[in-house]
N, C-alpha and C. Protein backbone atom coordinates (compact mmCIF):
# COMPACT_ATOMS: atom_id res chain seq x y z
N ILE A 1 0.87 -1.08 -0.09
CA ILE A 1 -0.03 -0.04 0.06
C ILE A 1 1.02 1.18 0.07
N SER A 2 1.82 1.26 0.86
CA SER A 2 2.79 2.37 0.90
C SER A 2 3.53 2.65 -0.54
N GLU A 3 3.73 1.69 -1.31
CA GLU A 3 4.33 1.73 -2.53
C GLU A 3 3.23 2.58 -3.50
N LEU A 4 1.96 1.99 -3.64
CA LEU A 4 0.96 2.45 -4.47
C LEU A 4 0.69 3.87 -4.08
N LYS A 5 0.56 4.32 -2.88
CA LYS A 5 0.43 5.67 -2.31
C LYS A 5 1.55 6.58 -2.54
N GLY A 6 2.74 6.02 -2.69
CA GLY A 6 3.85 6.93 -2.84
C GLY A 6 4.42 7.37 -1.70
N ALA A 7 4.12 6.73 -0.55
CA ALA A 7 4.47 7.20 0.85
C ALA A 7 5.90 7.24 0.74
N LYS A 8 6.43 8.06 1.50
CA LYS A 8 7.90 8.47 1.89
C LYS A 8 8.21 8.04 3.38
N PRO A 9 9.24 7.46 3.64
CA PRO A 9 10.30 6.75 2.83
C PRO A 9 9.80 5.55 2.18
N SER A 10 10.26 5.21 1.12
CA SER A 10 9.87 3.91 0.41
C SER A 10 10.36 2.84 1.24
N ARG A 11 9.48 1.77 1.46
CA ARG A 11 9.72 0.63 2.32
C ARG A 11 10.55 -0.58 1.77
N SER A 12 10.50 -0.43 0.37
CA SER A 12 11.21 -1.67 -0.29
C SER A 12 12.04 -1.14 -1.42
N GLY A 13 12.89 -1.95 -1.85
CA GLY A 13 13.61 -1.61 -3.15
C GLY A 13 12.84 -1.58 -4.33
N LEU A 14 11.68 -2.47 -4.39
CA LEU A 14 10.89 -2.36 -5.46
C LEU A 14 10.28 -0.76 -5.64
N ALA A 15 10.08 -0.30 -4.59
CA ALA A 15 9.51 1.05 -4.75
C ALA A 15 10.45 2.22 -5.07
N ARG A 16 11.63 1.91 -4.61
CA ARG A 16 12.69 2.94 -4.95
C ARG A 16 13.18 2.86 -6.37
N LEU A 17 13.05 1.59 -6.94
CA LEU A 17 13.73 1.43 -8.31
C LEU A 17 12.47 1.21 -9.34
N HIS A 18 11.21 0.83 -9.00
CA HIS A 18 10.26 0.49 -9.92
C HIS A 18 9.09 1.26 -9.54
N ASP A 19 8.28 1.78 -10.68
CA ASP A 19 7.02 2.63 -10.43
C ASP A 19 5.97 1.61 -10.14
N ALA A 20 5.26 1.85 -9.10
CA ALA A 20 4.07 1.02 -8.69
C ALA A 20 3.09 0.87 -9.72
N GLU A 21 2.98 2.02 -10.50
CA GLU A 21 2.07 1.97 -11.58
C GLU A 21 2.28 0.99 -12.81
N GLN A 22 3.52 0.58 -12.70
CA GLN A 22 3.97 -0.40 -13.74
C GLN A 22 3.10 -1.87 -13.50
N ALA A 23 2.77 -1.98 -12.23
CA ALA A 23 2.07 -3.22 -11.95
C ALA A 23 0.66 -3.29 -12.47
N VAL A 24 0.07 -2.18 -12.91
CA VAL A 24 -1.12 -1.95 -13.41
C VAL A 24 -1.16 -2.94 -14.74
N TYR A 25 -0.16 -2.96 -15.34
CA TYR A 25 -0.19 -3.87 -16.73
C TYR A 25 -0.46 -5.20 -16.38
N ASP A 26 -0.34 -5.76 -15.16
CA ASP A 26 -0.53 -7.03 -14.81
C ASP A 26 -2.01 -7.25 -14.05
N PHE A 27 -2.57 -6.14 -13.59
CA PHE A 27 -3.75 -6.23 -12.87
C PHE A 27 -4.90 -7.13 -13.59
N PRO A 28 -5.03 -6.99 -14.80
CA PRO A 28 -6.08 -7.87 -15.64
C PRO A 28 -5.77 -9.39 -15.28
N HIS A 29 -4.46 -9.72 -14.88
CA HIS A 29 -4.36 -11.10 -14.80
C HIS A 29 -4.22 -11.58 -13.42
N TRP A 30 -4.51 -10.58 -12.43
CA TRP A 30 -4.46 -10.88 -10.97
C TRP A 30 -6.11 -10.93 -10.69
N ILE A 31 -6.32 -11.88 -9.64
CA ILE A 31 -7.68 -12.09 -9.19
C ILE A 31 -7.81 -11.30 -7.86
N TYR A 32 -6.95 -11.74 -7.00
CA TYR A 32 -6.94 -11.04 -5.68
C TYR A 32 -5.77 -10.13 -5.43
N VAL A 33 -6.00 -9.03 -4.93
CA VAL A 33 -5.02 -8.00 -4.41
C VAL A 33 -5.39 -7.81 -3.01
N CYS A 34 -4.54 -8.03 -1.78
CA CYS A 34 -4.90 -7.99 -0.57
C CYS A 34 -6.22 -8.49 -0.11
N GLY A 35 -6.66 -9.64 -0.68
CA GLY A 35 -7.90 -10.32 -0.18
C GLY A 35 -9.08 -9.87 -0.95
N LYS A 36 -8.97 -8.65 -1.64
CA LYS A 36 -10.13 -8.26 -2.45
C LYS A 36 -10.12 -8.88 -3.95
N ARG A 37 -11.20 -9.20 -4.34
CA ARG A 37 -11.36 -9.79 -5.74
C ARG A 37 -11.70 -8.58 -6.72
N TYR A 38 -10.61 -8.45 -7.64
CA TYR A 38 -10.87 -7.35 -8.59
C TYR A 38 -11.10 -7.91 -10.02
N THR A 39 -11.75 -7.11 -10.88
CA THR A 39 -11.97 -7.43 -12.22
C THR A 39 -11.22 -6.21 -13.03
N ALA A 40 -11.32 -6.42 -14.27
CA ALA A 40 -10.77 -5.33 -15.13
C ALA A 40 -11.56 -4.16 -14.99
N LYS A 41 -12.84 -4.36 -14.88
CA LYS A 41 -13.65 -3.03 -14.65
C LYS A 41 -13.46 -1.94 -13.54
N ASP A 42 -12.76 -2.69 -12.54
CA ASP A 42 -12.37 -1.97 -11.34
C ASP A 42 -11.29 -0.84 -11.72
N PHE A 43 -10.63 -0.97 -12.78
CA PHE A 43 -9.40 -0.02 -12.99
C PHE A 43 -10.01 0.74 -14.31
N PRO A 44 -9.52 1.98 -14.36
CA PRO A 44 -9.72 2.77 -15.46
C PRO A 44 -8.84 2.28 -16.75
N GLU A 45 -9.28 2.34 -17.90
CA GLU A 45 -8.55 1.76 -19.13
C GLU A 45 -7.42 2.88 -19.33
N VAL A 46 -6.18 2.30 -19.52
CA VAL A 46 -5.14 3.23 -19.78
C VAL A 46 -4.98 2.86 -21.30
N THR A 47 -5.00 4.03 -21.91
CA THR A 47 -4.84 4.07 -23.53
C THR A 47 -3.37 3.79 -23.80
N PRO A 48 -3.11 3.06 -24.92
CA PRO A 48 -1.63 2.99 -25.34
C PRO A 48 -0.68 4.14 -25.37
N GLU A 49 -1.50 5.32 -25.67
CA GLU A 49 -0.80 6.69 -25.79
C GLU A 49 -0.43 7.23 -24.38
N ALA A 50 -1.29 6.99 -23.68
CA ALA A 50 -1.17 7.50 -22.11
C ALA A 50 -0.01 6.57 -21.59
N ALA A 51 -0.01 5.32 -21.71
CA ALA A 51 1.05 4.36 -21.21
C ALA A 51 2.33 4.87 -21.81
N LEU A 52 2.40 5.13 -23.11
CA LEU A 52 3.68 5.65 -23.59
C LEU A 52 4.13 6.77 -23.17
N ARG A 53 3.26 7.84 -22.93
CA ARG A 53 3.75 9.04 -22.31
C ARG A 53 4.28 8.80 -20.93
N HIS A 54 3.72 8.10 -20.19
CA HIS A 54 3.98 7.84 -18.82
C HIS A 54 5.60 7.13 -18.90
N GLN A 55 5.71 6.13 -19.88
CA GLN A 55 6.93 5.41 -19.71
C GLN A 55 8.03 6.37 -20.28
N ILE A 56 7.79 7.23 -21.21
CA ILE A 56 8.79 8.28 -21.64
C ILE A 56 9.25 9.03 -20.43
N GLU A 57 8.45 9.50 -19.58
CA GLU A 57 8.70 10.14 -18.33
C GLU A 57 9.63 9.20 -17.43
N VAL A 58 9.21 7.99 -17.26
CA VAL A 58 9.99 7.03 -16.33
C VAL A 58 11.50 6.86 -17.00
N VAL A 59 11.44 6.67 -18.47
CA VAL A 59 12.78 6.62 -19.00
C VAL A 59 13.69 7.83 -18.77
N LYS A 60 13.11 8.94 -18.97
CA LYS A 60 13.97 10.22 -18.65
C LYS A 60 14.47 10.17 -17.24
N THR A 61 13.65 9.83 -16.21
CA THR A 61 14.11 9.82 -14.91
C THR A 61 15.12 8.76 -14.75
N ARG A 62 15.09 7.51 -15.24
CA ARG A 62 16.01 6.52 -15.02
C ARG A 62 17.31 6.73 -15.87
N GLN A 63 17.25 7.67 -16.87
CA GLN A 63 18.41 7.87 -17.68
C GLN A 63 19.28 8.77 -16.73
N VAL A 64 18.64 9.61 -15.81
CA VAL A 64 19.46 10.42 -15.03
C VAL A 64 20.16 9.27 -13.95
N TRP A 65 19.42 8.42 -13.59
CA TRP A 65 19.98 7.35 -12.64
C TRP A 65 21.21 6.82 -13.32
N ALA A 66 21.01 6.34 -14.50
CA ALA A 66 22.03 5.59 -15.20
C ALA A 66 23.15 6.51 -15.38
N LYS A 67 23.22 7.70 -15.60
CA LYS A 67 24.18 8.64 -15.87
C LYS A 67 25.00 9.10 -14.49
N ASN A 68 24.32 8.95 -13.42
CA ASN A 68 24.74 9.40 -12.13
C ASN A 68 24.58 8.26 -11.07
N PRO A 69 25.26 7.04 -11.20
CA PRO A 69 25.18 5.88 -10.49
C PRO A 69 25.49 6.03 -9.11
N GLU A 70 26.59 7.03 -8.81
CA GLU A 70 27.04 7.38 -7.57
C GLU A 70 25.98 8.07 -6.75
N GLU A 71 25.04 8.68 -7.30
CA GLU A 71 24.03 9.41 -6.57
C GLU A 71 22.61 8.58 -6.67
N TYR A 72 22.48 7.60 -7.60
CA TYR A 72 21.14 7.05 -7.72
C TYR A 72 21.28 5.47 -7.84
N PHE A 73 21.36 4.68 -6.85
CA PHE A 73 21.18 3.20 -6.86
C PHE A 73 22.38 2.43 -7.51
N SER A 74 23.44 3.19 -7.55
CA SER A 74 24.69 2.51 -8.26
C SER A 74 24.41 1.74 -9.41
N GLU A 75 24.89 0.58 -9.62
CA GLU A 75 24.70 -0.31 -10.84
C GLU A 75 23.20 -0.74 -10.93
N MET A 76 22.43 -0.93 -10.02
CA MET A 76 20.99 -1.20 -10.02
C MET A 76 20.26 -0.23 -10.86
N GLY A 77 20.57 1.02 -10.64
CA GLY A 77 19.95 2.11 -11.39
C GLY A 77 20.13 1.97 -12.98
N LYS A 78 21.26 1.49 -13.46
CA LYS A 78 21.48 1.21 -14.71
C LYS A 78 20.63 0.01 -15.18
N ILE A 79 20.57 -1.00 -14.38
CA ILE A 79 19.67 -2.07 -14.87
C ILE A 79 18.06 -1.64 -14.84
N TYR A 80 17.68 -0.94 -13.90
CA TYR A 80 16.43 -0.51 -14.09
C TYR A 80 16.24 0.68 -15.30
N TYR A 81 17.16 1.29 -15.60
CA TYR A 81 17.15 2.10 -16.82
C TYR A 81 16.87 1.18 -18.04
N CYS A 82 17.58 0.13 -18.08
CA CYS A 82 17.43 -0.89 -19.34
C CYS A 82 16.08 -1.50 -19.26
N LYS A 83 15.57 -1.90 -18.05
CA LYS A 83 14.30 -2.45 -17.96
C LYS A 83 13.19 -1.44 -18.33
N GLY A 84 13.37 -0.16 -18.04
CA GLY A 84 12.53 0.86 -18.48
C GLY A 84 12.43 1.14 -19.96
N LEU A 85 13.68 0.92 -20.62
CA LEU A 85 13.68 0.98 -22.08
C LEU A 85 12.95 -0.24 -22.75
N VAL A 86 12.89 -1.37 -21.99
CA VAL A 86 12.15 -2.62 -22.40
C VAL A 86 10.66 -2.20 -22.49
N TRP A 87 10.24 -1.61 -21.49
CA TRP A 87 8.86 -1.25 -21.34
C TRP A 87 8.58 -0.02 -22.37
N LEU A 88 9.47 0.80 -22.71
CA LEU A 88 9.28 1.84 -23.66
C LEU A 88 9.10 1.20 -25.06
N CYS A 89 9.86 0.29 -25.39
CA CYS A 89 9.61 -0.52 -26.73
C CYS A 89 8.24 -1.15 -26.62
N TYR A 90 7.91 -1.92 -25.59
CA TYR A 90 6.61 -2.52 -25.54
C TYR A 90 5.35 -1.53 -25.71
N ASN A 91 5.51 -0.29 -24.97
CA ASN A 91 4.54 0.68 -25.17
C ASN A 91 4.41 1.23 -26.51
N ILE A 92 5.55 1.38 -27.25
CA ILE A 92 5.55 1.75 -28.66
C ILE A 92 4.95 0.67 -29.54
N HIS A 93 5.17 -0.58 -29.29
CA HIS A 93 4.62 -1.72 -30.09
C HIS A 93 3.09 -1.57 -29.82
N GLN A 94 2.60 -1.34 -28.66
CA GLN A 94 1.26 -1.26 -28.44
C GLN A 94 0.39 -0.27 -29.30
N LEU A 95 1.10 0.67 -29.74
CA LEU A 95 0.32 1.80 -30.44
C LEU A 95 -0.14 1.15 -31.84
N SER A 96 0.37 0.17 -32.18
CA SER A 96 0.06 -0.48 -33.58
C SER A 96 -0.62 -1.84 -33.45
N SER A 97 -0.46 -2.43 -32.34
CA SER A 97 -1.10 -3.67 -32.17
C SER A 97 -1.40 -3.96 -30.69
N LYS A 98 -2.57 -4.33 -30.51
CA LYS A 98 -3.11 -4.79 -29.05
C LYS A 98 -2.37 -6.03 -28.67
N GLN A 99 -1.45 -5.89 -27.59
CA GLN A 99 -0.75 -7.13 -27.03
C GLN A 99 -1.50 -7.58 -25.77
N GLY A 100 -1.19 -8.79 -25.40
CA GLY A 100 -1.65 -9.28 -24.13
C GLY A 100 -0.48 -8.86 -23.03
N PRO A 101 -0.30 -9.67 -22.13
CA PRO A 101 0.63 -9.20 -21.06
C PRO A 101 1.98 -9.26 -21.62
N PHE A 102 2.95 -8.58 -21.00
CA PHE A 102 4.15 -8.46 -21.54
C PHE A 102 4.92 -9.83 -21.49
N SER A 103 5.62 -10.04 -22.53
CA SER A 103 6.69 -11.38 -22.81
C SER A 103 7.77 -10.90 -23.57
N TRP A 104 8.83 -11.39 -23.32
CA TRP A 104 10.08 -11.20 -23.95
C TRP A 104 9.82 -11.73 -25.52
N ALA A 105 9.13 -12.79 -25.81
CA ALA A 105 8.99 -13.34 -27.02
C ALA A 105 8.11 -12.34 -27.87
N GLU A 106 7.01 -11.93 -27.14
CA GLU A 106 6.21 -10.83 -27.81
C GLU A 106 6.90 -9.63 -28.16
N LEU A 107 7.72 -9.28 -27.26
CA LEU A 107 8.55 -7.97 -27.51
C LEU A 107 9.37 -8.12 -28.71
N GLN A 108 9.93 -9.29 -28.91
CA GLN A 108 10.88 -9.57 -30.09
C GLN A 108 9.98 -9.71 -31.21
N ARG A 109 8.86 -10.35 -31.34
CA ARG A 109 7.95 -10.55 -32.36
C ARG A 109 7.36 -9.31 -33.02
N GLU A 110 7.23 -8.24 -32.05
CA GLU A 110 6.54 -7.05 -32.41
C GLU A 110 7.45 -5.85 -32.64
N THR A 111 8.82 -6.28 -32.69
CA THR A 111 9.64 -5.24 -32.92
C THR A 111 9.55 -4.50 -34.17
N ASN A 112 9.72 -3.20 -34.37
CA ASN A 112 9.50 -2.50 -35.64
C ASN A 112 10.83 -1.97 -36.02
N LYS A 113 10.73 -1.07 -37.09
CA LYS A 113 11.82 -0.34 -37.47
C LYS A 113 12.49 0.80 -36.54
N ASP A 114 11.42 1.16 -35.82
CA ASP A 114 11.84 2.25 -34.64
C ASP A 114 12.54 1.61 -33.38
N THR A 115 12.16 0.38 -33.17
CA THR A 115 12.59 -0.36 -31.87
C THR A 115 13.65 -1.44 -31.99
N GLU A 116 13.71 -1.74 -33.41
CA GLU A 116 14.72 -3.06 -33.70
C GLU A 116 16.02 -2.77 -33.09
N SER A 117 16.86 -2.00 -33.34
CA SER A 117 18.05 -1.72 -32.59
C SER A 117 18.10 -1.83 -31.17
N LEU A 118 17.32 -1.14 -30.60
CA LEU A 118 17.15 -0.95 -29.20
C LEU A 118 16.79 -2.44 -28.58
N THR A 119 15.81 -2.82 -29.16
CA THR A 119 15.31 -4.32 -28.74
C THR A 119 16.40 -5.33 -28.82
N LYS A 120 17.24 -5.35 -29.85
CA LYS A 120 18.37 -6.18 -30.03
C LYS A 120 19.36 -6.10 -28.90
N ILE A 121 19.68 -4.85 -28.65
CA ILE A 121 20.62 -4.68 -27.56
C ILE A 121 20.05 -5.18 -26.23
N LEU A 122 18.83 -4.85 -25.91
CA LEU A 122 18.19 -5.16 -24.62
C LEU A 122 18.01 -6.71 -24.61
N MET A 123 17.64 -7.35 -25.56
CA MET A 123 17.72 -8.94 -25.54
C MET A 123 19.04 -9.54 -25.22
N LYS A 124 20.20 -8.85 -25.78
CA LYS A 124 21.41 -9.41 -25.62
C LYS A 124 21.72 -9.29 -24.18
N LEU A 125 21.48 -7.92 -23.43
CA LEU A 125 21.76 -7.76 -22.15
C LEU A 125 20.92 -8.74 -21.24
N LYS A 126 19.74 -9.02 -21.54
CA LYS A 126 18.87 -10.04 -20.75
C LYS A 126 19.60 -11.27 -20.89
N SER A 127 20.02 -11.58 -22.01
CA SER A 127 20.69 -13.07 -22.17
C SER A 127 22.10 -13.12 -21.36
N ASP A 128 22.53 -11.96 -21.18
CA ASP A 128 23.77 -11.91 -20.22
C ASP A 128 23.41 -11.68 -18.91
N ASN A 129 22.13 -11.90 -18.48
CA ASN A 129 21.64 -11.68 -17.19
C ASN A 129 21.92 -10.20 -16.55
N TRP A 130 21.87 -9.18 -17.36
CA TRP A 130 22.00 -7.88 -17.04
C TRP A 130 23.40 -7.54 -16.35
N ASN A 131 24.31 -8.32 -16.98
CA ASN A 131 25.91 -8.07 -16.61
C ASN A 131 26.18 -6.67 -16.57
N TYR A 132 26.88 -6.26 -15.56
CA TYR A 132 27.16 -4.75 -15.44
C TYR A 132 28.20 -4.36 -16.40
N ALA A 133 29.09 -5.06 -16.75
CA ALA A 133 30.07 -4.71 -17.75
C ALA A 133 29.36 -4.64 -18.95
N SER A 134 28.52 -5.60 -19.42
CA SER A 134 27.75 -5.45 -20.67
C SER A 134 26.84 -4.08 -20.90
N ILE A 135 26.25 -3.87 -19.65
CA ILE A 135 25.40 -2.72 -19.69
C ILE A 135 26.30 -1.42 -19.77
N ASN A 136 27.37 -1.31 -19.14
CA ASN A 136 28.18 -0.25 -19.21
C ASN A 136 28.79 -0.01 -20.60
N LYS A 137 29.07 -1.11 -21.29
CA LYS A 137 29.54 -1.00 -22.72
C LYS A 137 28.47 -0.60 -23.58
N ALA A 138 27.12 -1.05 -23.18
CA ALA A 138 26.09 -0.54 -24.12
C ALA A 138 25.41 0.70 -23.93
N LEU A 139 25.79 1.29 -22.70
CA LEU A 139 25.08 2.57 -22.46
C LEU A 139 25.26 3.74 -23.35
N PRO A 140 26.33 4.10 -24.12
CA PRO A 140 26.19 4.99 -25.14
C PRO A 140 25.23 4.80 -26.11
N ASN A 141 25.09 3.55 -26.51
CA ASN A 141 24.10 3.23 -27.77
C ASN A 141 22.71 3.37 -27.13
N LEU A 142 22.43 2.83 -25.96
CA LEU A 142 21.20 3.01 -25.25
C LEU A 142 20.81 4.31 -25.16
N TYR A 143 21.60 5.26 -24.64
CA TYR A 143 21.18 6.72 -24.53
C TYR A 143 20.87 7.21 -25.92
N LYS A 144 21.68 7.13 -27.00
CA LYS A 144 21.34 7.48 -28.21
C LYS A 144 20.13 7.09 -28.83
N LEU A 145 19.78 5.65 -28.67
CA LEU A 145 18.52 5.20 -29.27
C LEU A 145 17.39 5.66 -28.46
N ALA A 146 17.40 5.72 -27.04
CA ALA A 146 16.44 6.16 -26.27
C ALA A 146 16.05 7.62 -26.63
N ASP A 147 16.97 8.32 -26.80
CA ASP A 147 16.92 9.87 -27.09
C ASP A 147 16.19 9.88 -28.57
N GLU A 148 16.53 9.25 -29.56
CA GLU A 148 15.68 9.16 -30.75
C GLU A 148 14.31 8.87 -30.54
N LEU A 149 13.86 7.62 -29.72
CA LEU A 149 12.62 7.41 -29.51
C LEU A 149 11.88 8.49 -28.75
N ILE A 150 12.43 8.97 -27.72
CA ILE A 150 11.67 10.01 -26.92
C ILE A 150 11.38 11.27 -27.77
N LYS A 151 12.51 11.65 -28.60
CA LYS A 151 12.29 12.72 -29.56
C LYS A 151 11.04 12.43 -30.54
N LYS A 152 10.99 11.25 -31.08
CA LYS A 152 9.97 10.85 -31.95
C LYS A 152 8.56 10.59 -31.42
N TYR A 153 8.43 10.00 -30.22
CA TYR A 153 7.26 9.71 -29.80
C TYR A 153 6.84 10.77 -28.54
N GLY A 154 7.78 11.41 -28.03
CA GLY A 154 7.32 12.29 -26.92
C GLY A 154 6.86 13.53 -27.29
């Protein structure tokens, strides 16, 4: 509850590194939350455009984390920047095709000309188990590709 309400201080690493709103993507697939039964009609519909706008802001924030690891979550901030980029690609794909819940296979299948280069790098980083050295090597390209997508879709 403290995470969903944005209470300070955050009581877990999840709240510090991950936006609670991101969990809304999975709500249609959850039946119970804290003992209460929910259905999809209990939540307002989030349009693909609104989800993308939100994710662009998340990526901008996490890019600051990645560029300033000594101030923001050290290497974990870089990992969460990368994972934010994954959701950015997913949200861009949702503009042209209604997808179900997130999956890596779906992300790869739905890759388009705008997200192809970024998705390829992110898939490699995931296959390397988010290795810090691999992420640090990829960061210049990630920044460039993310900035291009933000400029185009933001």
